[in-house]
């Protein structure tokens, strides 16, 4: 059976006064119906640009999707017009952004913002849309939902605003929900509540989810599939348990080693990844992680490794993946 979403060799560039930004460099992955997937990487790795390219949200100029295909429901989204993408966004593929205050319109009531997409995509009357809006607010745990429709975003707490964004994203029953670091601006307790809420709603509604995050520790028990991004490339990809157990890329190994271990028998300093992220204005012709990599050899500087299969349901872009895997087994990152 064909996957729900099939991203093939997606390439996105930004043309700035300083030069060309090589933001996304030929990424590929699939998402099945009802599946949970995470895309992980540090700031500037291309996580958000990749999913915004799928949604047709790259500002042009300066950005442009320069290559690749994104297949959904028998259509290549890259080739759709902006009007066709507008019909798709929010209706079939929805997105939760990391800062709700920049996504909610501060001068419009919450009720108006919730009912707008319902009237547009589902052809509901205003009365039907308001009824559905109240249902969605109740679903995400907003108390006194019917009375809150006339309130403005600033009248809600940070956690409630994120719940509003979830309600808006799910109001049209999308097949795919993209959650772009939806808990970044929230405190730890509220983060856990939001993650639990989204997981609960996924089970109830049967949608597929792509989580975008920089924290490998958070996604361990949330997803079936994981893609690790660095400098616009997917450097490791596959089943989450296999990837944690048999880590095969030095960047993933570094991320895992930097996670605090609650069950550690003795106090140790957290590991860090030496060096700085690459300059995305320079076209990547060698392994982008080579300047920071303890495993790097001459071949890493001569040629950028492709993403190759290292086990069933597991791929890595590293010339020395066997050495990395051996090292990960010694330090026991899977534990």
Protein backbone atom coordinates (compact mmCIF):
# COMPACT_ATOMS: atom_id res chain seq x y z
CA UNK A 1 0.00 0.00 0.00
CA UNK A 2 1.27 3.47 -0.91
CA UNK A 3 2.31 5.74 1.99
CA UNK A 4 0.04 8.62 3.02
CA UNK A 5 2.87 11.12 2.42
CA UNK A 6 5.91 10.43 0.24
CA UNK A 7 8.65 13.08 0.21
CA UNK A 8 11.25 12.47 -2.51
CA UNK A 9 14.54 14.37 -2.79
CA UNK A 10 13.08 17.72 -1.64
CA UNK A 11 15.37 20.73 -2.21
CA UNK A 12 14.76 24.27 -0.90
CA UNK A 13 16.99 27.33 -1.33
CA UNK A 14 16.89 30.94 -0.11
CA UNK A 15 18.40 33.67 -2.28
CA UNK A 16 19.69 36.46 -0.04
CA UNK A 17 22.01 39.47 -0.35
CA UNK A 18 24.74 37.39 1.29
CA UNK A 19 24.34 34.50 -1.14
CA UNK A 20 22.40 31.26 -1.59
CA UNK A 21 21.28 29.51 1.62
CA UNK A 22 21.33 25.73 1.12
CA UNK A 23 18.49 25.10 3.58
CA UNK A 24 17.15 21.69 2.52
CA UNK A 25 19.34 19.41 0.41
CA UNK A 26 17.42 16.50 -1.07
CA UNK A 27 15.54 14.96 1.86
CA UNK A 28 13.31 11.88 1.45
CA UNK A 29 10.94 10.09 3.85
CA UNK A 30 7.50 8.51 4.01
CA UNK A 31 4.60 8.68 6.45
CA UNK A 32 1.87 6.06 6.69
CA UNK A 33 -1.75 6.52 7.81
CA UNK A 34 -1.99 6.94 11.58
CA UNK A 35 1.80 6.83 11.99
CA UNK A 36 3.85 9.09 14.29
CA UNK A 37 7.19 10.38 13.07
CA UNK A 38 9.71 12.85 14.49
CA UNK A 39 12.19 15.08 12.66
CA UNK A 40 15.01 16.00 15.06
CA UNK A 41 17.95 18.38 14.79
CA UNK A 42 19.46 21.58 16.16
CA UNK A 43 18.32 25.07 15.14
CA UNK A 44 19.13 25.75 11.48
CA UNK A 45 19.20 22.07 10.48
CA UNK A 46 16.28 22.47 8.06
CA UNK A 47 13.52 20.79 10.10
CA UNK A 48 10.94 23.56 9.85
CA UNK A 49 11.91 24.64 6.32
CA UNK A 50 11.37 21.06 5.14
CA UNK A 51 7.80 20.81 6.43
CA UNK A 52 6.96 24.38 5.39
CA UNK A 53 8.10 23.46 1.88
CA UNK A 54 5.55 20.62 1.94
CA UNK A 55 2.81 23.04 3.03
CA UNK A 56 3.71 25.66 0.41
CA UNK A 57 4.58 28.19 3.15
CA UNK A 58 8.08 29.16 2.00
CA UNK A 59 8.12 32.97 1.45
CA UNK A 60 9.02 33.69 -2.17
CA UNK A 61 11.17 35.70 -2.56
CA UNK A 62 13.66 34.89 -1.10
CA UNK A 63 12.82 31.16 -0.78
CA UNK A 64 12.12 28.61 -3.49
CA UNK A 65 11.47 24.88 -3.63
CA UNK A 66 13.96 23.94 -6.33
CA UNK A 67 13.47 20.21 -6.71
CA UNK A 68 11.88 17.03 -5.55
CA UNK A 69 8.37 15.67 -5.20
CA UNK A 70 5.87 15.52 -2.34
CA UNK A 71 3.15 12.96 -3.03
CA UNK A 72 -0.10 13.08 -1.07
CA UNK A 73 -3.43 11.54 -2.14
CA UNK A 74 -2.18 11.00 -5.70
CA UNK A 75 -0.99 14.60 -6.16
CA UNK A 76 2.49 16.14 -6.18
CA UNK A 77 2.11 19.07 -3.77
CA UNK A 78 5.15 20.83 -5.24
CA UNK A 79 3.22 21.31 -8.50
CA UNK A 80 -0.01 22.63 -6.95
CA UNK A 81 -1.03 26.29 -7.30
CA UNK A 82 -1.23 28.51 -4.22
CA UNK A 83 -5.03 28.33 -4.39
CA UNK A 84 -4.95 24.52 -4.44
CA UNK A 85 -2.53 24.53 -1.50
CA UNK A 86 -4.83 26.89 0.43
CA UNK A 87 -7.65 24.38 0.01
CA UNK A 88 -5.35 21.63 1.29
CA UNK A 89 -3.83 23.48 4.27
CA UNK A 90 -5.88 23.20 7.42
CA UNK A 91 -8.30 20.85 5.71
CA UNK A 92 -6.19 17.76 4.91
CA UNK A 93 -2.77 18.75 6.29
CA UNK A 94 -2.67 21.00 9.35
CA UNK A 95 0.16 22.56 11.31
CA UNK A 96 0.72 23.70 14.91
CA UNK A 97 3.43 26.35 15.19
CA UNK A 98 5.79 26.77 18.14
CA UNK A 99 4.66 30.26 19.18
CA UNK A 100 0.86 30.63 19.26
CA UNK A 101 1.00 34.40 19.75
CA UNK A 102 2.56 34.85 16.31
CA UNK A 103 0.02 32.47 14.75
CA UNK A 104 -3.17 33.79 16.36
CA UNK A 105 -4.46 37.17 15.19
CA UNK A 106 -4.46 39.42 18.28
CA UNK A 107 -7.30 41.67 17.03
CA UNK A 108 -9.77 38.90 16.12
CA UNK A 109 -11.80 36.86 18.59
CA UNK A 110 -10.93 33.21 19.07
CA UNK A 111 -14.39 32.24 17.82
CA UNK A 112 -13.92 34.10 14.54
CA UNK A 113 -10.52 32.48 13.96
CA UNK A 114 -11.89 29.01 14.69
CA UNK A 115 -15.03 29.32 12.54
CA UNK A 116 -13.26 30.85 9.52
CA UNK A 117 -11.58 27.61 8.38
CA UNK A 118 -14.73 25.55 9.09
CA UNK A 119 -16.82 27.80 6.86
CA UNK A 120 -14.12 27.84 4.17
CA UNK A 121 -13.17 24.14 4.05
CA UNK A 122 -16.30 22.34 5.26
CA UNK A 123 -18.91 24.79 3.89
CA UNK A 124 -20.55 25.08 7.31
CA UNK A 125 -23.01 27.83 8.15
CA UNK A 126 -21.90 30.28 10.83
CA UNK A 127 -24.14 28.57 13.41
CA UNK A 128 -22.76 25.13 12.54
CA UNK A 129 -19.20 26.44 12.65
CA UNK A 130 -19.74 27.98 16.10
CA UNK A 131 -21.17 24.70 17.40
CA UNK A 132 -18.14 22.83 16.02
CA UNK A 133 -15.78 25.46 17.49
CA UNK A 134 -17.27 24.92 20.97
CA UNK A 135 -16.86 21.14 20.53
CA UNK A 136 -13.19 21.59 19.61
CA UNK A 137 -12.47 23.89 22.56
CA UNK A 138 -14.06 21.35 24.89
CA UNK A 139 -12.04 18.58 23.23
CA UNK A 140 -8.75 20.34 23.99
CA UNK A 141 -9.75 21.13 27.58
CA UNK A 142 -10.70 24.83 27.48
CA UNK A 143 -13.20 25.40 30.33
CA UNK A 144 -16.46 27.32 29.68
CA UNK A 145 -15.85 26.87 25.95
CA UNK A 146 -19.06 28.52 24.71
CA UNK A 147 -18.33 31.68 26.73
CA UNK A 148 -14.73 31.92 25.51
CA UNK A 149 -15.53 32.28 21.79
CA UNK A 150 -15.79 36.06 22.16
CA UNK A 151 -12.45 36.35 23.96
CA UNK A 152 -9.20 37.48 22.33
CA UNK A 153 -5.90 35.53 22.34
CA UNK A 154 -4.31 37.72 25.04
CA UNK A 155 -7.07 36.66 27.46
CA UNK A 156 -5.75 33.07 27.46
CA UNK A 157 -2.66 31.68 29.21
CA UNK A 158 0.31 30.33 27.22
CA UNK A 159 -0.82 26.73 27.62
CA UNK A 160 -4.40 27.62 26.68
CA UNK A 161 -3.21 29.46 23.56
CA UNK A 162 -1.35 26.36 22.46
CA UNK A 163 -4.55 24.35 23.06
CA UNK A 164 -6.37 26.89 20.87
CA UNK A 165 -3.84 26.25 18.09
CA UNK A 166 -4.43 22.49 18.43
CA UNK A 167 -8.19 23.04 18.26
CA UNK A 168 -7.81 25.14 15.10
CA UNK A 169 -5.48 22.60 13.51
CA UNK A 170 -7.80 19.65 14.21
CA UNK A 171 -11.13 21.33 13.52
CA UNK A 172 -11.35 20.04 9.92
CA UNK A 173 -10.21 16.48 10.81
CA UNK A 174 -6.91 16.53 8.86
CA UNK A 175 -5.19 13.32 7.78
CA UNK A 176 -1.77 14.72 8.78
CA UNK A 177 -0.88 17.00 11.68
CA UNK A 178 2.54 18.70 11.69
CA UNK A 179 3.56 19.86 15.17
CA UNK A 180 6.51 22.28 14.86
CA UNK A 181 8.04 22.38 18.35
CA UNK A 182 4.60 23.11 19.86
CA UNK A 183 5.87 23.12 23.47
CA UNK A 184 9.01 25.26 23.13
CA UNK A 185 7.55 28.39 24.77
CA UNK A 186 5.86 26.50 27.62
CA UNK A 187 7.04 25.36 31.05
CA UNK A 188 7.81 21.68 31.60
CA UNK A 189 4.50 20.77 33.27
CA UNK A 190 2.43 22.36 30.49
CA UNK A 191 4.69 20.75 27.85
CA UNK A 192 3.81 17.30 29.18
CA UNK A 193 0.09 18.16 29.16
CA UNK A 194 0.21 19.37 25.53
CA UNK A 195 2.12 16.29 24.33
CA UNK A 196 -0.30 14.00 26.16
CA UNK A 197 -3.27 15.86 24.68
CA UNK A 198 -1.99 15.57 21.09
CA UNK A 199 -1.26 11.84 21.54
CA UNK A 200 -4.76 11.30 22.98
CA UNK A 201 -6.38 13.15 20.08
CA UNK A 202 -4.30 11.20 17.57
CA UNK A 203 -5.67 7.92 18.92
CA UNK A 204 -9.22 9.26 18.88
CA UNK A 205 -9.05 10.79 15.38
CA UNK A 206 -6.63 8.34 13.70
CA UNK A 207 -4.45 11.00 12.08
CA UNK A 208 -0.74 10.79 11.27
CA UNK A 209 1.66 13.17 13.06
CA UNK A 210 5.04 14.67 12.24
CA UNK A 211 6.71 16.06 15.37
CA UNK A 212 9.45 18.67 14.79
CA UNK A 213 11.82 18.97 17.75
CA UNK A 214 15.46 19.44 18.82
CA UNK A 215 15.12 17.04 21.76
CA UNK A 216 15.74 13.34 21.10
CA UNK A 217 14.85 12.51 24.70
CA UNK A 218 11.27 13.77 24.32
CA UNK A 219 10.32 11.72 21.26
CA UNK A 220 11.57 8.30 22.41
CA UNK A 221 8.16 7.02 23.51
CA UNK A 222 6.07 9.14 21.15
CA UNK A 223 6.89 7.99 17.62
CA UNK A 224 7.47 4.91 15.48
CA UNK A 225 9.88 6.54 13.03
CA UNK A 226 12.68 9.08 13.39
CA UNK A 227 14.60 11.31 10.96
CA UNK A 228 17.70 13.14 12.24
CA UNK A 229 18.59 16.29 10.26
CA UNK A 230 21.87 18.19 10.05
CA UNK A 231 22.75 21.06 7.69
CA UNK A 232 19.69 20.43 5.51
CA UNK A 233 20.33 16.68 5.13
CA UNK A 234 18.67 13.68 6.75
CA UNK A 235 21.73 11.97 8.25
CA UNK A 236 19.96 9.07 9.97
CA UNK A 237 16.46 7.67 9.44
CA UNK A 238 14.44 4.66 10.48
CA UNK A 239 12.52 2.79 13.16
CA UNK A 240 12.94 4.67 16.44
CA UNK A 241 13.86 1.62 18.54
CA UNK A 242 16.39 0.38 15.98
CA UNK A 243 17.91 3.85 15.66
CA UNK A 244 18.30 4.30 19.43
CA UNK A 245 19.63 0.77 19.91
CA UNK A 246 22.07 0.77 16.97
CA UNK A 247 22.95 4.45 16.46
CA UNK A 248 24.94 4.73 13.23
CA UNK A 249 25.70 8.43 12.70
CA UNK A 250 28.09 10.47 14.90
CA UNK A 251 25.68 13.43 15.08
CA UNK A 252 22.86 11.23 16.42
CA UNK A 253 25.35 9.67 18.84
CA UNK A 254 26.31 13.15 20.06
CA UNK A 255 22.68 14.15 20.57
CA UNK A 256 21.95 10.98 22.53
CA UNK A 257 25.07 11.35 24.69
CA UNK A 258 24.02 14.92 25.60
CA UNK A 259 20.74 13.75 27.17
CA UNK A 260 20.90 13.67 31.01
CA UNK A 261 20.61 10.11 32.32
CA UNK A 262 18.29 9.91 35.31
CA UNK A 263 19.48 6.45 36.31
CA UNK A 264 23.23 7.25 36.15
CA UNK A 265 25.09 5.64 39.06
CA UNK A 266 27.60 8.49 39.36
CA UNK A 267 27.61 12.17 38.50
CA UNK A 268 29.27 12.93 35.17
CA UNK A 269 29.54 16.05 33.06
CA UNK A 270 27.13 16.12 30.10
CA UNK A 271 28.79 15.40 26.76
CA UNK A 272 28.75 18.16 24.16
CA UNK A 273 29.30 18.26 20.41
CA UNK A 274 32.46 20.25 19.74
CA UNK A 275 32.56 23.03 17.16
CA UNK A 276 29.88 25.12 15.46
CA UNK A 277 27.06 24.33 13.02
CA UNK A 278 28.05 24.71 9.35
CA UNK A 279 27.63 27.87 7.30
CA UNK A 280 24.62 27.16 5.06
CA UNK A 281 25.86 29.75 2.55
CA UNK A 282 28.58 27.28 1.51
CA UNK A 283 27.44 24.54 -0.88
CA UNK A 284 27.94 21.18 0.89
CA UNK A 285 30.44 19.11 -1.15
CA UNK A 286 31.81 17.01 1.71
CA UNK A 287 30.20 15.56 4.82
CA UNK A 288 28.75 18.62 6.61
CA UNK A 289 29.44 17.05 10.01
CA UNK A 290 33.11 16.31 9.25
CA UNK A 291 34.51 19.46 10.96
CA UNK A 292 32.89 18.39 14.26
CA UNK A 293 33.30 14.63 13.93
CA UNK A 294 35.68 12.45 15.95
CA UNK A 295 35.25 9.64 13.40
CA UNK A 296 36.15 11.72 10.30
CA UNK A 297 38.66 10.33 7.79
CA UNK A 298 39.98 11.63 4.47
CA UNK A 299 36.99 10.27 2.52
CA UNK A 300 34.60 12.37 4.65
CA UNK A 301 36.29 15.55 3.36
CA UNK A 302 36.32 14.34 -0.24
CA UNK A 303 32.70 13.24 -0.65
CA UNK A 304 29.37 13.74 1.11
CA UNK A 305 28.07 10.25 2.01
CA UNK A 306 24.60 9.28 0.73
CA UNK A 307 21.89 7.89 3.01
CA UNK A 308 22.38 4.12 2.78
CA UNK A 309 20.66 1.16 4.40
CA UNK A 310 22.60 -0.10 7.44
CA UNK A 311 19.88 -2.50 8.67
CA UNK A 312 16.24 -3.27 7.87
CA UNK A 313 14.21 -0.06 8.45
CA UNK A 314 17.39 1.92 9.28
CA UNK A 315 19.56 4.21 7.10
CA UNK A 316 22.54 6.45 7.84
CA UNK A 317 24.68 8.91 5.86
CA UNK A 318 28.13 8.07 7.19
CA UNK A 319 31.21 6.44 5.66
CA UNK A 320 32.15 5.04 9.08
CA UNK A 321 28.74 3.98 10.34
CA UNK A 322 30.06 0.62 11.56
CA UNK A 323 32.62 2.33 13.82
CA UNK A 324 29.92 4.69 15.13
CA UNK A 325 27.59 1.76 15.82
CA UNK A 326 30.37 -0.05 17.68
CA UNK A 327 31.06 3.03 19.81
CA UNK A 328 27.34 3.53 20.58
CA UNK A 329 27.16 -0.07 21.85
CA UNK A 330 30.15 0.56 24.17
CA UNK A 331 28.72 3.70 25.76
CA UNK A 332 25.23 2.22 25.92
CA UNK A 333 23.26 5.17 24.54
CA UNK A 334 20.21 2.94 24.03
CA UNK A 335 19.79 2.57 27.77
